[in-house]
Each structure stands twice: as structure tokens, then as C-alpha cells.
Amino acid sequence: AASSAAKGTTTVRGRLRVTVDPFFRVGYWGRNWARFSKNFPN
């Protein structure tokens, strides 16, 4: 229980907003979005 409580304080939570250059967004982000959203769901 103590270990679990301590882990809860190190987990990052919340919404991440990213502003990206349109060229980067289409070229890189678009190809990797599915993998990213799978690893970091809402």
C-alpha cells in the first residue's frame, strides 16, 4: 500500500497540448500518432 501510494505521486497525469509546425505535423506526427495515442491514452 505504501509503495502504491508513492508510485501515484510520480505518475504524470493531465492533458498535454502540443503546438507543432504544420510540415512536421504532416510528415512525422501523422505517421506516429497511432503509436503515441496507444501508449498514452486520454
ModelCIF file with pLDDT and N, C-alpha, C, O atoms, coordinates in Angstrom:
data_MODEL
#
_entry.id   MODEL 
#
_entity.id                         1 
_entity.type                       polymer 
_entity.pdbx_number_of_molecules   1 
#
_entity_poly.entity_id                      1 
_entity_poly.type                           'polypeptide(L)' 
_entity_poly.nstd_linkage                   no 
_entity_poly.nstd_monomer                   no 
_entity_poly.pdbx_seq_one_letter_code       AASSAAKGTTTVRGRLRVTVDPFFRVGYWGRNWARFSKNFPN 
_entity_poly.pdbx_seq_one_letter_code_can   AASSAAKGTTTVRGRLRVTVDPFFRVGYWGRNWARFSKNFPN 
_entity_poly.pdbx_strand_id                 A 
#
loop_
_entity_poly_seq.entity_id 
_entity_poly_seq.num 
_entity_poly_seq.mon_id 
_entity_poly_seq.hetero 
1 1  ALA n 
1 2  ALA n 
1 3  SER n 
1 4  SER n 
1 5  ALA n 
1 6  ALA n 
1 7  LYS n 
1 8  GLY n 
1 9  THR n 
1 10 THR n 
1 11 THR n 
1 12 VAL n 
1 13 ARG n 
1 14 GLY n 
1 15 ARG n 
1 16 LEU n 
1 17 ARG n 
1 18 VAL n 
1 19 THR n 
1 20 VAL n 
1 21 ASP n 
1 22 PRO n 
1 23 PHE n 
1 24 PHE n 
1 25 ARG n 
1 26 VAL n 
1 27 GLY n 
1 28 TYR n 
1 29 TRP n 
1 30 GLY n 
1 31 ARG n 
1 32 ASN n 
1 33 TRP n 
1 34 ALA n 
1 35 ARG n 
1 36 PHE n 
1 37 SER n 
1 38 LYS n 
1 39 ASN n 
1 40 PHE n 
1 41 PRO n 
1 42 ASN n 
#
_struct_asym.id          A 
_struct_asym.entity_id   1 
#
loop_
_ma_qa_metric.id 
_ma_qa_metric.mode 
_ma_qa_metric.name 
_ma_qa_metric.software_group_id 
_ma_qa_metric.type 
1 global pLDDT . pLDDT 
2 local  pLDDT . pLDDT 
#
_ma_qa_metric_global.metric_id      1 
_ma_qa_metric_global.metric_value   72.88 
_ma_qa_metric_global.model_id       1 
_ma_qa_metric_global.ordinal_id     1 
#
loop_
_ma_qa_metric_local.label_asym_id 
_ma_qa_metric_local.label_comp_id 
_ma_qa_metric_local.label_seq_id 
_ma_qa_metric_local.metric_id 
_ma_qa_metric_local.metric_value 
_ma_qa_metric_local.model_id 
_ma_qa_metric_local.ordinal_id 
A ALA 1  2 87.00 1 1  
A ALA 2  2 85.00 1 2  
A SER 3  2 83.00 1 3  
A SER 4  2 80.00 1 4  
A ALA 5  2 79.00 1 5  
A ALA 6  2 77.00 1 6  
A LYS 7  2 74.00 1 7  
A GLY 8  2 66.00 1 8  
A THR 9  2 65.00 1 9  
A THR 10 2 66.00 1 10 
A THR 11 2 65.00 1 11 
A VAL 12 2 67.00 1 12 
A ARG 13 2 69.00 1 13 
A GLY 14 2 73.00 1 14 
A ARG 15 2 76.00 1 15 
A LEU 16 2 73.00 1 16 
A ARG 17 2 76.00 1 17 
A VAL 18 2 72.00 1 18 
A THR 19 2 77.00 1 19 
A VAL 20 2 72.00 1 20 
A ASP 21 2 75.00 1 21 
A PRO 22 2 73.00 1 22 
A PHE 23 2 71.00 1 23 
A PHE 24 2 69.00 1 24 
A ARG 25 2 68.00 1 25 
A VAL 26 2 68.00 1 26 
A GLY 27 2 70.00 1 27 
A TYR 28 2 72.00 1 28 
A TRP 29 2 67.00 1 29 
A GLY 30 2 69.00 1 30 
A ARG 31 2 71.00 1 31 
A ASN 32 2 73.00 1 32 
A TRP 33 2 73.00 1 33 
A ALA 34 2 75.00 1 34 
A ARG 35 2 78.00 1 35 
A PHE 36 2 75.00 1 36 
A SER 37 2 75.00 1 37 
A LYS 38 2 77.00 1 38 
A ASN 39 2 76.00 1 39 
A PHE 40 2 73.00 1 40 
A PRO 41 2 69.00 1 41 
A ASN 42 2 62.00 1 42 
#
loop_
_atom_site.group_PDB 
_atom_site.id 
_atom_site.type_symbol 
_atom_site.label_atom_id 
_atom_site.label_alt_id 
_atom_site.label_comp_id 
_atom_site.label_asym_id 
_atom_site.label_entity_id 
_atom_site.label_seq_id 
_atom_site.pdbx_PDB_ins_code 
_atom_site.Cartn_x 
_atom_site.Cartn_y 
_atom_site.Cartn_z 
_atom_site.occupancy 
_atom_site.B_iso_or_equiv 
_atom_site.pdbx_formal_charge 
_atom_site.auth_seq_id 
_atom_site.auth_comp_id 
_atom_site.auth_asym_id 
_atom_site.auth_atom_id 
_atom_site.pdbx_PDB_model_num 
ATOM 1   N N  . ALA A 1 1  ? 0.834  -1.209 0.000   1.00 87.00 ? 1  ALA A N  1 
ATOM 2   C CA . ALA A 1 1  ? 0.000  0.000  0.000   1.00 87.00 ? 1  ALA A CA 1 
ATOM 3   C C  . ALA A 1 1  ? 0.865  1.254  0.000   1.00 87.00 ? 1  ALA A C  1 
ATOM 4   O O  . ALA A 1 1  ? 0.571  2.209  -0.719  1.00 87.00 ? 1  ALA A O  1 
ATOM 5   N N  . ALA A 1 2  ? 1.915  1.259  0.792   1.00 85.00 ? 2  ALA A N  1 
ATOM 6   C CA . ALA A 1 2  ? 2.812  2.418  0.845   1.00 85.00 ? 2  ALA A CA 1 
ATOM 7   C C  . ALA A 1 2  ? 3.527  2.605  -0.490  1.00 85.00 ? 2  ALA A C  1 
ATOM 8   O O  . ALA A 1 2  ? 3.673  3.728  -0.972  1.00 85.00 ? 2  ALA A O  1 
ATOM 9   N N  . SER A 1 3  ? 3.966  1.506  -1.079  1.00 83.00 ? 3  SER A N  1 
ATOM 10  C CA . SER A 1 3  ? 4.639  1.565  -2.374  1.00 83.00 ? 3  SER A CA 1 
ATOM 11  C C  . SER A 1 3  ? 3.697  2.072  -3.456  1.00 83.00 ? 3  SER A C  1 
ATOM 12  O O  . SER A 1 3  ? 4.086  2.887  -4.292  1.00 83.00 ? 3  SER A O  1 
ATOM 13  N N  . SER A 1 4  ? 2.473  1.596  -3.441  1.00 80.00 ? 4  SER A N  1 
ATOM 14  C CA . SER A 1 4  ? 1.469  2.019  -4.418  1.00 80.00 ? 4  SER A CA 1 
ATOM 15  C C  . SER A 1 4  ? 1.161  3.504  -4.275  1.00 80.00 ? 4  SER A C  1 
ATOM 16  O O  . SER A 1 4  ? 1.025  4.214  -5.271  1.00 80.00 ? 4  SER A O  1 
ATOM 17  N N  . ALA A 1 5  ? 1.053  3.961  -3.062  1.00 79.00 ? 5  ALA A N  1 
ATOM 18  C CA . ALA A 1 5  ? 0.781  5.382  -2.817  1.00 79.00 ? 5  ALA A CA 1 
ATOM 19  C C  . ALA A 1 5  ? 1.937  6.237  -3.313  1.00 79.00 ? 5  ALA A C  1 
ATOM 20  O O  . ALA A 1 5  ? 1.722  7.308  -3.881  1.00 79.00 ? 5  ALA A O  1 
ATOM 21  N N  . ALA A 1 6  ? 3.162  5.768  -3.101  1.00 77.00 ? 6  ALA A N  1 
ATOM 22  C CA . ALA A 1 6  ? 4.333  6.526  -3.543  1.00 77.00 ? 6  ALA A CA 1 
ATOM 23  C C  . ALA A 1 6  ? 4.412  6.573  -5.061  1.00 77.00 ? 6  ALA A C  1 
ATOM 24  O O  . ALA A 1 6  ? 4.826  7.584  -5.627  1.00 77.00 ? 6  ALA A O  1 
ATOM 25  N N  . LYS A 1 7  ? 4.022  5.495  -5.725  1.00 74.00 ? 7  LYS A N  1 
ATOM 26  C CA . LYS A 1 7  ? 4.044  5.478  -7.192  1.00 74.00 ? 7  LYS A CA 1 
ATOM 27  C C  . LYS A 1 7  ? 3.033  6.457  -7.759  1.00 74.00 ? 7  LYS A C  1 
ATOM 28  O O  . LYS A 1 7  ? 3.259  7.047  -8.815  1.00 74.00 ? 7  LYS A O  1 
ATOM 29  N N  . GLY A 1 8  ? 1.917  6.631  -7.060  1.00 66.00 ? 8  GLY A N  1 
ATOM 30  C CA . GLY A 1 8  ? 0.892  7.550  -7.532  1.00 66.00 ? 8  GLY A CA 1 
ATOM 31  C C  . GLY A 1 8  ? 1.382  8.980  -7.624  1.00 66.00 ? 8  GLY A C  1 
ATOM 32  O O  . GLY A 1 8  ? 0.868  9.755  -8.430  1.00 66.00 ? 8  GLY A O  1 
ATOM 33  N N  . THR A 1 9  ? 2.358  9.346  -6.821  1.00 65.00 ? 9  THR A N  1 
ATOM 34  C CA . THR A 1 9  ? 2.875  10.709 -6.858  1.00 65.00 ? 9  THR A CA 1 
ATOM 35  C C  . THR A 1 9  ? 3.867  10.926 -7.984  1.00 65.00 ? 9  THR A C  1 
ATOM 36  O O  . THR A 1 9  ? 4.168  12.072 -8.321  1.00 65.00 ? 9  THR A O  1 
ATOM 37  N N  . THR A 1 10 ? 4.388  9.851  -8.579  1.00 66.00 ? 10 THR A N  1 
ATOM 38  C CA . THR A 1 10 ? 5.364  10.005 -9.652  1.00 66.00 ? 10 THR A CA 1 
ATOM 39  C C  . THR A 1 10 ? 4.758  9.825  -11.028 1.00 66.00 ? 10 THR A C  1 
ATOM 40  O O  . THR A 1 10 ? 5.436  10.041 -12.033 1.00 66.00 ? 10 THR A O  1 
ATOM 41  N N  . THR A 1 11 ? 3.488  9.431  -11.097 1.00 65.00 ? 11 THR A N  1 
ATOM 42  C CA . THR A 1 11 ? 2.821  9.254  -12.380 1.00 65.00 ? 11 THR A CA 1 
ATOM 43  C C  . THR A 1 11 ? 2.361  10.606 -12.885 1.00 65.00 ? 11 THR A C  1 
ATOM 44  O O  . THR A 1 11 ? 1.690  11.352 -12.170 1.00 65.00 ? 11 THR A O  1 
ATOM 45  N N  . VAL A 1 12 ? 2.724  10.919 -14.118 1.00 67.00 ? 12 VAL A N  1 
ATOM 46  C CA . VAL A 1 12 ? 2.329  12.181 -14.722 1.00 67.00 ? 12 VAL A CA 1 
ATOM 47  C C  . VAL A 1 12 ? 0.905  12.039 -15.226 1.00 67.00 ? 12 VAL A C  1 
ATOM 48  O O  . VAL A 1 12 ? 0.575  11.080 -15.923 1.00 67.00 ? 12 VAL A O  1 
ATOM 49  N N  . ARG A 1 13 ? 0.079  12.982 -14.875 1.00 69.00 ? 13 ARG A N  1 
ATOM 50  C CA . ARG A 1 13 ? -1.320 12.955 -15.275 1.00 69.00 ? 13 ARG A CA 1 
ATOM 51  C C  . ARG A 1 13 ? -1.710 14.301 -15.853 1.00 69.00 ? 13 ARG A C  1 
ATOM 52  O O  . ARG A 1 13 ? -1.103 15.331 -15.558 1.00 69.00 ? 13 ARG A O  1 
ATOM 53  N N  . GLY A 1 14 ? -2.727 14.265 -16.673 1.00 73.00 ? 14 GLY A N  1 
ATOM 54  C CA . GLY A 1 14 ? -3.236 15.513 -17.220 1.00 73.00 ? 14 GLY A CA 1 
ATOM 55  C C  . GLY A 1 14 ? -3.203 15.506 -18.733 1.00 73.00 ? 14 GLY A C  1 
ATOM 56  O O  . GLY A 1 14 ? -2.852 14.503 -19.354 1.00 73.00 ? 14 GLY A O  1 
ATOM 57  N N  . ARG A 1 15 ? -3.565 16.607 -19.310 1.00 76.00 ? 15 ARG A N  1 
ATOM 58  C CA . ARG A 1 15 ? -3.649 16.753 -20.757 1.00 76.00 ? 15 ARG A CA 1 
ATOM 59  C C  . ARG A 1 15 ? -2.414 17.487 -21.258 1.00 76.00 ? 15 ARG A C  1 
ATOM 60  O O  . ARG A 1 15 ? -1.987 18.479 -20.667 1.00 76.00 ? 15 ARG A O  1 
ATOM 61  N N  . LEU A 1 16 ? -1.854 17.000 -22.335 1.00 73.00 ? 16 LEU A N  1 
ATOM 62  C CA . LEU A 1 16 ? -0.681 17.611 -22.960 1.00 73.00 ? 16 LEU A CA 1 
ATOM 63  C C  . LEU A 1 16 ? -1.123 18.265 -24.258 1.00 73.00 ? 16 LEU A C  1 
ATOM 64  O O  . LEU A 1 16 ? -1.695 17.613 -25.132 1.00 73.00 ? 16 LEU A O  1 
ATOM 65  N N  . ARG A 1 17 ? -0.855 19.536 -24.374 1.00 76.00 ? 17 ARG A N  1 
ATOM 66  C CA . ARG A 1 17 ? -1.164 20.251 -25.620 1.00 76.00 ? 17 ARG A CA 1 
ATOM 67  C C  . ARG A 1 17 ? 0.161  20.538 -26.313 1.00 76.00 ? 17 ARG A C  1 
ATOM 68  O O  . ARG A 1 17 ? 1.105  21.055 -25.716 1.00 76.00 ? 17 ARG A O  1 
ATOM 69  N N  . VAL A 1 18 ? 0.195  20.184 -27.594 1.00 72.00 ? 18 VAL A N  1 
ATOM 70  C CA . VAL A 1 18 ? 1.417  20.353 -28.371 1.00 72.00 ? 18 VAL A CA 1 
ATOM 71  C C  . VAL A 1 18 ? 1.129  21.238 -29.571 1.00 72.00 ? 18 VAL A C  1 
ATOM 72  O O  . VAL A 1 18 ? 0.199  20.985 -30.337 1.00 72.00 ? 18 VAL A O  1 
ATOM 73  N N  . THR A 1 19 ? 1.930  22.268 -29.725 1.00 77.00 ? 19 THR A N  1 
ATOM 74  C CA . THR A 1 19 ? 1.844  23.110 -30.907 1.00 77.00 ? 19 THR A CA 1 
ATOM 75  C C  . THR A 1 19 ? 3.030  22.742 -31.786 1.00 77.00 ? 19 THR A C  1 
ATOM 76  O O  . THR A 1 19 ? 4.183  22.793 -31.357 1.00 77.00 ? 19 THR A O  1 
ATOM 77  N N  . VAL A 1 20 ? 2.717  22.363 -33.053 1.00 72.00 ? 20 VAL A N  1 
ATOM 78  C CA . VAL A 1 20 ? 3.749  21.832 -33.933 1.00 72.00 ? 20 VAL A CA 1 
ATOM 79  C C  . VAL A 1 20 ? 3.685  22.539 -35.278 1.00 72.00 ? 20 VAL A C  1 
ATOM 80  O O  . VAL A 1 20 ? 2.612  22.917 -35.748 1.00 72.00 ? 20 VAL A O  1 
ATOM 81  N N  . ASP A 1 21 ? 4.833  22.707 -35.879 1.00 75.00 ? 21 ASP A N  1 
ATOM 82  C CA . ASP A 1 21 ? 4.936  23.232 -37.231 1.00 75.00 ? 21 ASP A CA 1 
ATOM 83  C C  . ASP A 1 21 ? 4.112  22.345 -38.172 1.00 75.00 ? 21 ASP A C  1 
ATOM 84  O O  . ASP A 1 21 ? 4.190  21.123 -38.050 1.00 75.00 ? 21 ASP A O  1 
ATOM 85  N N  . PRO A 1 22 ? 3.335  22.895 -39.093 1.00 73.00 ? 22 PRO A N  1 
ATOM 86  C CA . PRO A 1 22 ? 2.494  22.072 -39.976 1.00 73.00 ? 22 PRO A CA 1 
ATOM 87  C C  . PRO A 1 22 ? 3.287  21.037 -40.782 1.00 73.00 ? 22 PRO A C  1 
ATOM 88  O O  . PRO A 1 22 ? 2.810  19.919 -40.974 1.00 73.00 ? 22 PRO A O  1 
ATOM 89  N N  . PHE A 1 23 ? 4.455  21.379 -41.244 1.00 71.00 ? 23 PHE A N  1 
ATOM 90  C CA . PHE A 1 23 ? 5.261  20.433 -42.019 1.00 71.00 ? 23 PHE A CA 1 
ATOM 91  C C  . PHE A 1 23 ? 5.638  19.216 -41.149 1.00 71.00 ? 23 PHE A C  1 
ATOM 92  O O  . PHE A 1 23 ? 5.534  18.071 -41.589 1.00 71.00 ? 23 PHE A O  1 
ATOM 93  N N  . PHE A 1 24 ? 6.067  19.481 -39.937 1.00 69.00 ? 24 PHE A N  1 
ATOM 94  C CA . PHE A 1 24 ? 6.424  18.397 -39.005 1.00 69.00 ? 24 PHE A CA 1 
ATOM 95  C C  . PHE A 1 24 ? 5.198  17.565 -38.663 1.00 69.00 ? 24 PHE A C  1 
ATOM 96  O O  . PHE A 1 24 ? 5.271  16.339 -38.572 1.00 69.00 ? 24 PHE A O  1 
ATOM 97  N N  . ARG A 1 25 ? 4.063  18.248 -38.473 1.00 68.00 ? 25 ARG A N  1 
ATOM 98  C CA . ARG A 1 25 ? 2.837  17.547 -38.100 1.00 68.00 ? 25 ARG A CA 1 
ATOM 99  C C  . ARG A 1 25 ? 2.421  16.555 -39.177 1.00 68.00 ? 25 ARG A C  1 
ATOM 100 O O  . ARG A 1 25 ? 2.037  15.429 -38.859 1.00 68.00 ? 25 ARG A O  1 
ATOM 101 N N  . VAL A 1 26 ? 2.488  16.942 -40.418 1.00 68.00 ? 26 VAL A N  1 
ATOM 102 C CA . VAL A 1 26 ? 2.087  16.058 -41.506 1.00 68.00 ? 26 VAL A CA 1 
ATOM 103 C C  . VAL A 1 26 ? 3.149  14.985 -41.741 1.00 68.00 ? 26 VAL A C  1 
ATOM 104 O O  . VAL A 1 26 ? 2.822  13.809 -41.901 1.00 68.00 ? 26 VAL A O  1 
ATOM 105 N N  . GLY A 1 27 ? 4.407  15.387 -41.764 1.00 70.00 ? 27 GLY A N  1 
ATOM 106 C CA . GLY A 1 27 ? 5.480  14.451 -42.116 1.00 70.00 ? 27 GLY A CA 1 
ATOM 107 C C  . GLY A 1 27 ? 5.825  13.444 -41.041 1.00 70.00 ? 27 GLY A C  1 
ATOM 108 O O  . GLY A 1 27 ? 6.029  12.268 -41.342 1.00 70.00 ? 27 GLY A O  1 
ATOM 109 N N  . TYR A 1 28 ? 5.893  13.869 -39.820 1.00 72.00 ? 28 TYR A N  1 
ATOM 110 C CA . TYR A 1 28 ? 6.328  12.959 -38.754 1.00 72.00 ? 28 TYR A CA 1 
ATOM 111 C C  . TYR A 1 28 ? 5.184  12.552 -37.841 1.00 72.00 ? 28 TYR A C  1 
ATOM 112 O O  . TYR A 1 28 ? 4.949  11.367 -37.606 1.00 72.00 ? 28 TYR A O  1 
ATOM 113 N N  . TRP A 1 29 ? 4.483  13.541 -37.336 1.00 67.00 ? 29 TRP A N  1 
ATOM 114 C CA . TRP A 1 29 ? 3.466  13.287 -36.323 1.00 67.00 ? 29 TRP A CA 1 
ATOM 115 C C  . TRP A 1 29 ? 2.343  12.412 -36.870 1.00 67.00 ? 29 TRP A C  1 
ATOM 116 O O  . TRP A 1 29 ? 1.849  11.530 -36.168 1.00 67.00 ? 29 TRP A O  1 
ATOM 117 N N  . GLY A 1 30 ? 1.943  12.645 -38.094 1.00 69.00 ? 30 GLY A N  1 
ATOM 118 C CA . GLY A 1 30 ? 0.868  11.874 -38.696 1.00 69.00 ? 30 GLY A CA 1 
ATOM 119 C C  . GLY A 1 30 ? 1.187  10.384 -38.755 1.00 69.00 ? 30 GLY A C  1 
ATOM 120 O O  . GLY A 1 30 ? 0.311  9.557  -38.501 1.00 69.00 ? 30 GLY A O  1 
ATOM 121 N N  . ARG A 1 31 ? 2.431  10.029 -39.085 1.00 71.00 ? 31 ARG A N  1 
ATOM 122 C CA . ARG A 1 31 ? 2.833  8.615  -39.167 1.00 71.00 ? 31 ARG A CA 1 
ATOM 123 C C  . ARG A 1 31 ? 2.911  7.965  -37.801 1.00 71.00 ? 31 ARG A C  1 
ATOM 124 O O  . ARG A 1 31 ? 2.698  6.758  -37.688 1.00 71.00 ? 31 ARG A O  1 
ATOM 125 N N  . ASN A 1 32 ? 3.207  8.722  -36.766 1.00 73.00 ? 32 ASN A N  1 
ATOM 126 C CA . ASN A 1 32 ? 3.432  8.157  -35.431 1.00 73.00 ? 32 ASN A CA 1 
ATOM 127 C C  . ASN A 1 32 ? 2.298  8.403  -34.443 1.00 73.00 ? 32 ASN A C  1 
ATOM 128 O O  . ASN A 1 32 ? 2.373  7.985  -33.287 1.00 73.00 ? 32 ASN A O  1 
ATOM 129 N N  . TRP A 1 33 ? 1.241  9.087  -34.903 1.00 73.00 ? 33 TRP A N  1 
ATOM 130 C CA . TRP A 1 33 ? 0.159  9.427  -33.984 1.00 73.00 ? 33 TRP A CA 1 
ATOM 131 C C  . TRP A 1 33 ? -0.504 8.194  -33.369 1.00 73.00 ? 33 TRP A C  1 
ATOM 132 O O  . TRP A 1 33 ? -0.782 8.177  -32.170 1.00 73.00 ? 33 TRP A O  1 
ATOM 133 N N  . ALA A 1 34 ? -0.757 7.168  -34.175 1.00 75.00 ? 34 ALA A N  1 
ATOM 134 C CA . ALA A 1 34 ? -1.433 5.963  -33.668 1.00 75.00 ? 34 ALA A CA 1 
ATOM 135 C C  . ALA A 1 34 ? -0.610 5.311  -32.554 1.00 75.00 ? 34 ALA A C  1 
ATOM 136 O O  . ALA A 1 34 ? -1.161 4.909  -31.530 1.00 75.00 ? 34 ALA A O  1 
ATOM 137 N N  . ARG A 1 35 ? 0.687  5.209  -32.749 1.00 78.00 ? 35 ARG A N  1 
ATOM 138 C CA . ARG A 1 35 ? 1.548  4.597  -31.729 1.00 78.00 ? 35 ARG A CA 1 
ATOM 139 C C  . ARG A 1 35 ? 1.580  5.455  -30.471 1.00 78.00 ? 35 ARG A C  1 
ATOM 140 O O  . ARG A 1 35 ? 1.534  4.930  -29.358 1.00 78.00 ? 35 ARG A O  1 
ATOM 141 N N  . PHE A 1 36 ? 1.657  6.755  -30.639 1.00 75.00 ? 36 PHE A N  1 
ATOM 142 C CA . PHE A 1 36 ? 1.682  7.652  -29.498 1.00 75.00 ? 36 PHE A CA 1 
ATOM 143 C C  . PHE A 1 36 ? 0.373  7.549  -28.696 1.00 75.00 ? 36 PHE A C  1 
ATOM 144 O O  . PHE A 1 36 ? 0.399  7.409  -27.473 1.00 75.00 ? 36 PHE A O  1 
ATOM 145 N N  . SER A 1 37 ? -0.746 7.619  -29.382 1.00 75.00 ? 37 SER A N  1 
ATOM 146 C CA . SER A 1 37 ? -2.025 7.592  -28.659 1.00 75.00 ? 37 SER A CA 1 
ATOM 147 C C  . SER A 1 37 ? -2.290 6.235  -28.035 1.00 75.00 ? 37 SER A C  1 
ATOM 148 O O  . SER A 1 37 ? -3.024 6.146  -27.051 1.00 75.00 ? 37 SER A O  1 
ATOM 149 N N  . LYS A 1 38 ? -1.711 5.178  -28.583 1.00 77.00 ? 38 LYS A N  1 
ATOM 150 C CA . LYS A 1 38 ? -1.844 3.849  -27.966 1.00 77.00 ? 38 LYS A CA 1 
ATOM 151 C C  . LYS A 1 38 ? -1.054 3.790  -26.654 1.00 77.00 ? 38 LYS A C  1 
ATOM 152 O O  . LYS A 1 38 ? -1.530 3.222  -25.671 1.00 77.00 ? 38 LYS A O  1 
ATOM 153 N N  . ASN A 1 39 ? 0.151  4.375  -26.633 1.00 76.00 ? 39 ASN A N  1 
ATOM 154 C CA . ASN A 1 39 ? 0.992  4.366  -25.433 1.00 76.00 ? 39 ASN A CA 1 
ATOM 155 C C  . ASN A 1 39 ? 0.524  5.364  -24.379 1.00 76.00 ? 39 ASN A C  1 
ATOM 156 O O  . ASN A 1 39 ? 0.756  5.164  -23.187 1.00 76.00 ? 39 ASN A O  1 
ATOM 157 N N  . PHE A 1 40 ? -0.131 6.435  -24.814 1.00 73.00 ? 40 PHE A N  1 
ATOM 158 C CA . PHE A 1 40 ? -0.554 7.488  -23.889 1.00 73.00 ? 40 PHE A CA 1 
ATOM 159 C C  . PHE A 1 40 ? -2.019 7.847  -24.148 1.00 73.00 ? 40 PHE A C  1 
ATOM 160 O O  . PHE A 1 40 ? -2.315 8.896  -24.718 1.00 73.00 ? 40 PHE A O  1 
ATOM 161 N N  . PRO A 1 41 ? -2.929 6.970  -23.725 1.00 69.00 ? 41 PRO A N  1 
ATOM 162 C CA . PRO A 1 41 ? -4.353 7.266  -23.940 1.00 69.00 ? 41 PRO A CA 1 
ATOM 163 C C  . PRO A 1 41 ? -4.827 8.421  -23.056 1.00 69.00 ? 41 PRO A C  1 
ATOM 164 O O  . PRO A 1 41 ? -4.149 8.817  -22.108 1.00 69.00 ? 41 PRO A O  1 
ATOM 165 N N  . ASN A 1 42 ? -5.977 8.938  -23.380 1.00 62.00 ? 42 ASN A N  1 
ATOM 166 C CA . ASN A 1 42 ? -6.546 10.027 -22.583 1.00 62.00 ? 42 ASN A CA 1 
ATOM 167 C C  . ASN A 1 42 ? -6.595 9.628  -21.193 1.00 62.00 ? 42 ASN A C  1 
ATOM 168 O O  . ASN A 1 42 ? -7.041 10.400 -20.345 1.00 62.00 ? 42 ASN A O  1 
#
